[in-house]
N, C-alpha and C. Protein backbone atom coordinates (compact mmCIF):
# COMPACT_ATOMS: atom_id res chain seq x y z
N MET A 1 -5.82 14.59 19.84
CA MET A 1 -5.13 14.15 18.65
C MET A 1 -6.16 13.72 17.61
N GLU A 2 -5.99 14.17 16.39
CA GLU A 2 -6.91 13.81 15.31
C GLU A 2 -6.79 12.32 14.97
N MET A 3 -7.88 11.74 14.54
CA MET A 3 -7.90 10.31 14.23
C MET A 3 -6.89 9.95 13.13
N LEU A 4 -6.76 10.80 12.12
CA LEU A 4 -5.81 10.51 11.05
C LEU A 4 -4.37 10.54 11.57
N ASP A 5 -4.07 11.37 12.55
CA ASP A 5 -2.74 11.38 13.16
C ASP A 5 -2.47 10.06 13.88
N ILE A 6 -3.49 9.51 14.52
CA ILE A 6 -3.35 8.23 15.19
C ILE A 6 -3.14 7.11 14.17
N VAL A 7 -3.87 7.19 13.06
CA VAL A 7 -3.68 6.21 11.98
C VAL A 7 -2.23 6.25 11.50
N LYS A 8 -1.70 7.45 11.33
CA LYS A 8 -0.30 7.59 10.88
C LYS A 8 0.67 6.95 11.86
N LYS A 9 0.42 7.10 13.16
CA LYS A 9 1.27 6.48 14.18
C LYS A 9 1.23 4.96 14.06
N ALA A 10 0.05 4.41 13.83
CA ALA A 10 -0.08 2.96 13.67
C ALA A 10 0.66 2.49 12.42
N VAL A 11 0.54 3.25 11.34
CA VAL A 11 1.24 2.89 10.10
C VAL A 11 2.75 2.94 10.31
N GLU A 12 3.23 3.96 11.00
CA GLU A 12 4.67 4.06 11.30
C GLU A 12 5.14 2.86 12.11
N ALA A 13 4.33 2.42 13.07
CA ALA A 13 4.68 1.25 13.88
C ALA A 13 4.77 0.00 13.00
N LEU A 14 3.85 -0.13 12.05
CA LEU A 14 3.89 -1.26 11.13
C LEU A 14 5.12 -1.19 10.22
N GLU A 15 5.43 0.00 9.74
CA GLU A 15 6.61 0.17 8.90
C GLU A 15 7.88 -0.21 9.65
N ASP A 16 7.95 0.13 10.94
CA ASP A 16 9.11 -0.21 11.77
C ASP A 16 9.30 -1.72 11.87
N LYS A 17 8.21 -2.46 11.76
CA LYS A 17 8.28 -3.93 11.83
C LYS A 17 8.30 -4.57 10.45
N LYS A 18 8.58 -3.75 9.43
CA LYS A 18 8.72 -4.23 8.05
C LYS A 18 7.45 -4.86 7.49
N ALA A 19 6.30 -4.34 7.92
CA ALA A 19 5.03 -4.81 7.35
C ALA A 19 5.03 -4.51 5.86
N GLU A 20 4.36 -5.34 5.11
CA GLU A 20 4.32 -5.20 3.66
C GLU A 20 2.96 -4.68 3.20
N ASP A 21 3.00 -3.91 2.13
CA ASP A 21 1.80 -3.45 1.43
C ASP A 21 0.75 -2.86 2.39
N ILE A 22 1.16 -1.86 3.15
CA ILE A 22 0.26 -1.22 4.11
C ILE A 22 -0.72 -0.33 3.36
N LYS A 23 -2.01 -0.54 3.63
CA LYS A 23 -3.07 0.28 3.02
C LYS A 23 -3.95 0.84 4.12
N VAL A 24 -4.36 2.08 3.94
CA VAL A 24 -5.32 2.71 4.83
C VAL A 24 -6.55 3.04 3.98
N ILE A 25 -7.70 2.58 4.43
CA ILE A 25 -8.95 2.84 3.72
C ILE A 25 -9.87 3.62 4.63
N ASP A 26 -10.30 4.77 4.16
CA ASP A 26 -11.28 5.60 4.87
C ASP A 26 -12.66 5.06 4.53
N ILE A 27 -13.34 4.50 5.52
CA ILE A 27 -14.66 3.90 5.27
C ILE A 27 -15.79 4.64 5.97
N HIS A 28 -15.50 5.82 6.53
CA HIS A 28 -16.50 6.49 7.35
C HIS A 28 -17.77 6.87 6.58
N GLU A 29 -17.65 7.06 5.26
CA GLU A 29 -18.83 7.43 4.48
C GLU A 29 -19.64 6.23 4.00
N VAL A 30 -19.06 5.02 4.11
CA VAL A 30 -19.75 3.84 3.60
C VAL A 30 -20.09 2.82 4.68
N SER A 31 -19.66 3.08 5.92
CA SER A 31 -19.93 2.13 6.99
C SER A 31 -19.98 2.83 8.34
N SER A 32 -20.76 2.28 9.23
CA SER A 32 -20.83 2.83 10.58
C SER A 32 -19.96 2.05 11.56
N ILE A 33 -19.29 1.00 11.10
CA ILE A 33 -18.51 0.17 12.03
C ILE A 33 -17.19 0.82 12.43
N ALA A 34 -16.64 1.68 11.58
CA ALA A 34 -15.35 2.32 11.86
C ALA A 34 -15.15 3.45 10.87
N ASP A 35 -14.12 4.25 11.11
CA ASP A 35 -13.74 5.30 10.16
C ASP A 35 -12.62 4.86 9.24
N TYR A 36 -11.70 4.03 9.78
CA TYR A 36 -10.53 3.63 9.00
C TYR A 36 -10.24 2.15 9.17
N PHE A 37 -9.84 1.53 8.08
CA PHE A 37 -9.23 0.21 8.10
C PHE A 37 -7.75 0.40 7.80
N ILE A 38 -6.90 -0.28 8.54
CA ILE A 38 -5.49 -0.37 8.20
C ILE A 38 -5.25 -1.84 7.88
N ILE A 39 -4.71 -2.10 6.70
CA ILE A 39 -4.49 -3.47 6.25
C ILE A 39 -3.01 -3.62 5.91
N ALA A 40 -2.42 -4.69 6.40
CA ALA A 40 -1.01 -4.96 6.11
C ALA A 40 -0.77 -6.45 6.17
N ASN A 41 0.32 -6.89 5.56
CA ASN A 41 0.67 -8.29 5.68
C ASN A 41 2.11 -8.46 6.09
N GLY A 42 2.37 -9.64 6.66
CA GLY A 42 3.70 -10.02 7.09
C GLY A 42 4.07 -11.35 6.49
N SER A 43 5.33 -11.70 6.62
CA SER A 43 5.82 -12.90 5.95
C SER A 43 5.72 -14.17 6.80
N ASN A 44 5.51 -14.02 8.12
CA ASN A 44 5.36 -15.20 8.97
C ASN A 44 4.63 -14.82 10.25
N GLN A 45 4.28 -15.82 11.05
CA GLN A 45 3.48 -15.59 12.25
C GLN A 45 4.23 -14.77 13.30
N ASN A 46 5.53 -14.95 13.38
CA ASN A 46 6.31 -14.15 14.33
C ASN A 46 6.27 -12.67 13.96
N GLN A 47 6.38 -12.39 12.67
CA GLN A 47 6.31 -11.00 12.23
C GLN A 47 4.92 -10.42 12.49
N LEU A 48 3.88 -11.20 12.24
CA LEU A 48 2.52 -10.72 12.52
C LEU A 48 2.35 -10.38 14.00
N ALA A 49 2.90 -11.22 14.88
CA ALA A 49 2.82 -10.95 16.32
C ALA A 49 3.59 -9.67 16.68
N ALA A 50 4.74 -9.48 16.07
CA ALA A 50 5.53 -8.26 16.32
C ALA A 50 4.80 -7.04 15.80
N MET A 51 4.14 -7.16 14.66
CA MET A 51 3.35 -6.06 14.10
C MET A 51 2.20 -5.72 15.06
N GLN A 52 1.54 -6.74 15.57
CA GLN A 52 0.43 -6.52 16.51
C GLN A 52 0.93 -5.78 17.75
N ASP A 53 2.03 -6.24 18.31
CA ASP A 53 2.59 -5.60 19.51
C ASP A 53 2.94 -4.14 19.24
N ALA A 54 3.54 -3.87 18.07
CA ALA A 54 3.94 -2.51 17.74
C ALA A 54 2.73 -1.59 17.59
N VAL A 55 1.68 -2.08 16.94
CA VAL A 55 0.46 -1.29 16.79
C VAL A 55 -0.18 -1.05 18.15
N ASP A 56 -0.26 -2.08 18.97
CA ASP A 56 -0.84 -1.94 20.31
C ASP A 56 -0.10 -0.86 21.10
N GLU A 57 1.21 -0.87 21.04
CA GLU A 57 2.00 0.12 21.78
C GLU A 57 1.76 1.53 21.24
N ALA A 58 1.76 1.68 19.92
CA ALA A 58 1.53 3.00 19.33
C ALA A 58 0.14 3.52 19.67
N MET A 59 -0.85 2.67 19.63
CA MET A 59 -2.22 3.09 19.94
C MET A 59 -2.36 3.43 21.41
N TYR A 60 -1.73 2.64 22.27
CA TYR A 60 -1.77 2.90 23.71
C TYR A 60 -1.17 4.28 24.01
N LYS A 61 -0.05 4.58 23.38
CA LYS A 61 0.59 5.89 23.57
C LYS A 61 -0.29 7.02 23.05
N SER A 62 -1.17 6.71 22.11
CA SER A 62 -2.09 7.71 21.56
C SER A 62 -3.40 7.78 22.34
N GLY A 63 -3.51 6.96 23.37
CA GLY A 63 -4.70 7.00 24.22
C GLY A 63 -5.80 6.04 23.81
N LEU A 64 -5.54 5.15 22.86
CA LEU A 64 -6.55 4.18 22.43
C LEU A 64 -6.20 2.79 22.94
N HIS A 65 -7.22 2.06 23.34
CA HIS A 65 -7.04 0.70 23.81
C HIS A 65 -7.89 -0.21 22.94
N ALA A 66 -7.36 -1.38 22.64
CA ALA A 66 -8.09 -2.32 21.80
C ALA A 66 -9.38 -2.73 22.49
N ARG A 67 -10.47 -2.58 21.76
CA ARG A 67 -11.77 -3.02 22.27
C ARG A 67 -11.86 -4.54 22.19
N GLN A 68 -11.29 -5.07 21.12
CA GLN A 68 -11.30 -6.52 20.93
C GLN A 68 -10.18 -6.89 19.97
N THR A 69 -9.60 -8.05 20.20
CA THR A 69 -8.57 -8.59 19.30
C THR A 69 -8.96 -10.01 18.95
N GLU A 70 -8.92 -10.32 17.68
CA GLU A 70 -9.18 -11.68 17.19
C GLU A 70 -7.90 -12.20 16.56
N GLY A 71 -7.54 -13.42 16.91
CA GLY A 71 -6.32 -14.02 16.40
C GLY A 71 -5.28 -14.11 17.51
N ASN A 72 -4.28 -14.96 17.28
CA ASN A 72 -3.24 -15.17 18.28
C ASN A 72 -1.93 -15.51 17.58
N MET A 73 -0.96 -16.03 18.34
CA MET A 73 0.38 -16.34 17.79
C MET A 73 0.33 -17.32 16.62
N ASN A 74 -0.70 -18.14 16.55
CA ASN A 74 -0.80 -19.14 15.48
C ASN A 74 -1.69 -18.68 14.33
N SER A 75 -2.19 -17.48 14.41
CA SER A 75 -3.14 -16.99 13.41
C SER A 75 -2.43 -16.41 12.20
N THR A 76 -3.11 -16.48 11.07
CA THR A 76 -2.61 -15.85 9.85
C THR A 76 -3.45 -14.62 9.49
N TRP A 77 -4.40 -14.28 10.37
CA TRP A 77 -5.16 -13.04 10.25
C TRP A 77 -5.44 -12.56 11.67
N ILE A 78 -4.95 -11.38 11.98
CA ILE A 78 -5.19 -10.78 13.29
C ILE A 78 -5.99 -9.51 13.06
N LEU A 79 -7.11 -9.39 13.77
CA LEU A 79 -7.95 -8.21 13.69
C LEU A 79 -7.90 -7.51 15.04
N ILE A 80 -7.60 -6.21 15.03
CA ILE A 80 -7.57 -5.43 16.27
C ILE A 80 -8.54 -4.27 16.10
N ASP A 81 -9.53 -4.22 16.98
CA ASP A 81 -10.60 -3.22 16.90
C ASP A 81 -10.34 -2.11 17.93
N TYR A 82 -10.09 -0.90 17.42
CA TYR A 82 -9.90 0.27 18.27
C TYR A 82 -11.09 1.24 18.11
N ASN A 83 -12.27 0.72 17.93
CA ASN A 83 -13.50 1.49 17.70
C ASN A 83 -13.49 2.15 16.32
N ASP A 84 -12.89 3.32 16.18
CA ASP A 84 -12.91 4.03 14.90
C ASP A 84 -11.84 3.57 13.93
N ILE A 85 -10.90 2.78 14.42
CA ILE A 85 -9.82 2.25 13.59
C ILE A 85 -9.79 0.74 13.78
N ILE A 86 -9.83 0.02 12.67
CA ILE A 86 -9.71 -1.43 12.73
C ILE A 86 -8.47 -1.83 11.93
N VAL A 87 -7.61 -2.60 12.59
CA VAL A 87 -6.35 -3.03 11.98
C VAL A 87 -6.47 -4.50 11.60
N HIS A 88 -6.14 -4.81 10.34
CA HIS A 88 -6.14 -6.18 9.83
C HIS A 88 -4.71 -6.54 9.47
N LEU A 89 -4.18 -7.57 10.10
CA LEU A 89 -2.83 -8.06 9.81
C LEU A 89 -2.95 -9.47 9.26
N PHE A 90 -2.41 -9.68 8.07
CA PHE A 90 -2.59 -10.94 7.35
C PHE A 90 -1.26 -11.58 6.97
N SER A 91 -1.32 -12.89 6.72
CA SER A 91 -0.29 -13.54 5.92
C SER A 91 -0.59 -13.11 4.47
N LYS A 92 0.38 -13.23 3.59
CA LYS A 92 0.15 -12.85 2.18
C LYS A 92 -0.99 -13.66 1.57
N GLU A 93 -1.00 -14.95 1.87
CA GLU A 93 -2.00 -15.84 1.27
C GLU A 93 -3.41 -15.47 1.73
N ASP A 94 -3.57 -15.24 3.04
CA ASP A 94 -4.89 -14.88 3.55
C ASP A 94 -5.34 -13.52 3.03
N ARG A 95 -4.41 -12.60 2.90
CA ARG A 95 -4.78 -11.28 2.39
C ARG A 95 -5.32 -11.39 0.97
N LEU A 96 -4.66 -12.19 0.15
CA LEU A 96 -5.15 -12.39 -1.22
C LEU A 96 -6.50 -13.09 -1.23
N PHE A 97 -6.67 -14.07 -0.34
CA PHE A 97 -7.92 -14.83 -0.29
C PHE A 97 -9.09 -13.95 0.14
N TYR A 98 -8.94 -13.19 1.22
CA TYR A 98 -10.05 -12.39 1.74
C TYR A 98 -10.24 -11.09 0.98
N ASP A 99 -9.19 -10.54 0.41
CA ASP A 99 -9.24 -9.37 -0.48
C ASP A 99 -10.15 -8.25 0.04
N LEU A 100 -9.84 -7.77 1.24
CA LEU A 100 -10.65 -6.70 1.85
C LEU A 100 -10.65 -5.43 1.01
N GLU A 101 -9.57 -5.18 0.29
CA GLU A 101 -9.53 -3.98 -0.54
C GLU A 101 -10.64 -4.00 -1.59
N ARG A 102 -10.93 -5.18 -2.13
CA ARG A 102 -12.01 -5.30 -3.12
C ARG A 102 -13.37 -5.16 -2.43
N ILE A 103 -13.51 -5.81 -1.28
CA ILE A 103 -14.79 -5.76 -0.56
C ILE A 103 -15.13 -4.33 -0.15
N TRP A 104 -14.12 -3.55 0.25
CA TRP A 104 -14.32 -2.18 0.72
C TRP A 104 -13.90 -1.16 -0.33
N LYS A 105 -14.07 -1.51 -1.60
CA LYS A 105 -13.64 -0.63 -2.68
C LYS A 105 -14.41 0.70 -2.71
N ASP A 106 -15.57 0.77 -2.05
CA ASP A 106 -16.32 2.02 -1.99
C ASP A 106 -15.68 3.01 -1.02
N GLY A 107 -14.77 2.52 -0.19
CA GLY A 107 -14.02 3.42 0.69
C GLY A 107 -12.94 4.15 -0.10
N THR A 108 -12.26 5.06 0.54
CA THR A 108 -11.21 5.86 -0.11
C THR A 108 -9.86 5.45 0.43
N VAL A 109 -8.96 5.01 -0.47
CA VAL A 109 -7.61 4.67 -0.04
C VAL A 109 -6.87 5.96 0.25
N ILE A 110 -6.27 6.03 1.43
CA ILE A 110 -5.56 7.22 1.90
C ILE A 110 -4.06 7.00 1.70
N GLU A 111 -3.41 7.94 1.03
CA GLU A 111 -1.96 7.90 0.90
C GLU A 111 -1.36 8.73 2.02
N LEU A 112 -0.53 8.10 2.85
CA LEU A 112 0.07 8.82 3.97
C LEU A 112 1.51 9.19 3.66
């Protein structure tokens, strides 16, 4: 399965959990840490946990396992590292504060 197809599956899982403002940034030309960032926000910690579970399930079905996860049920930023794909799940406030889209503006936003 192509990496972009797996990214689409993760985005669909986030959409199913009503994630807000989902962005995919292709960073493979500007960084060696990953090929894609998926960034989304939720309205509360329960939604963020549900989003995390949905992404984990979609990635597992695609044959990818999280290398590392940062954040927990009380977190307002959850990072899930799948090697070539890194998923960032934020509260709205934290997303605005950290502004990863600005930091990674040299990457290419992918419209799915």
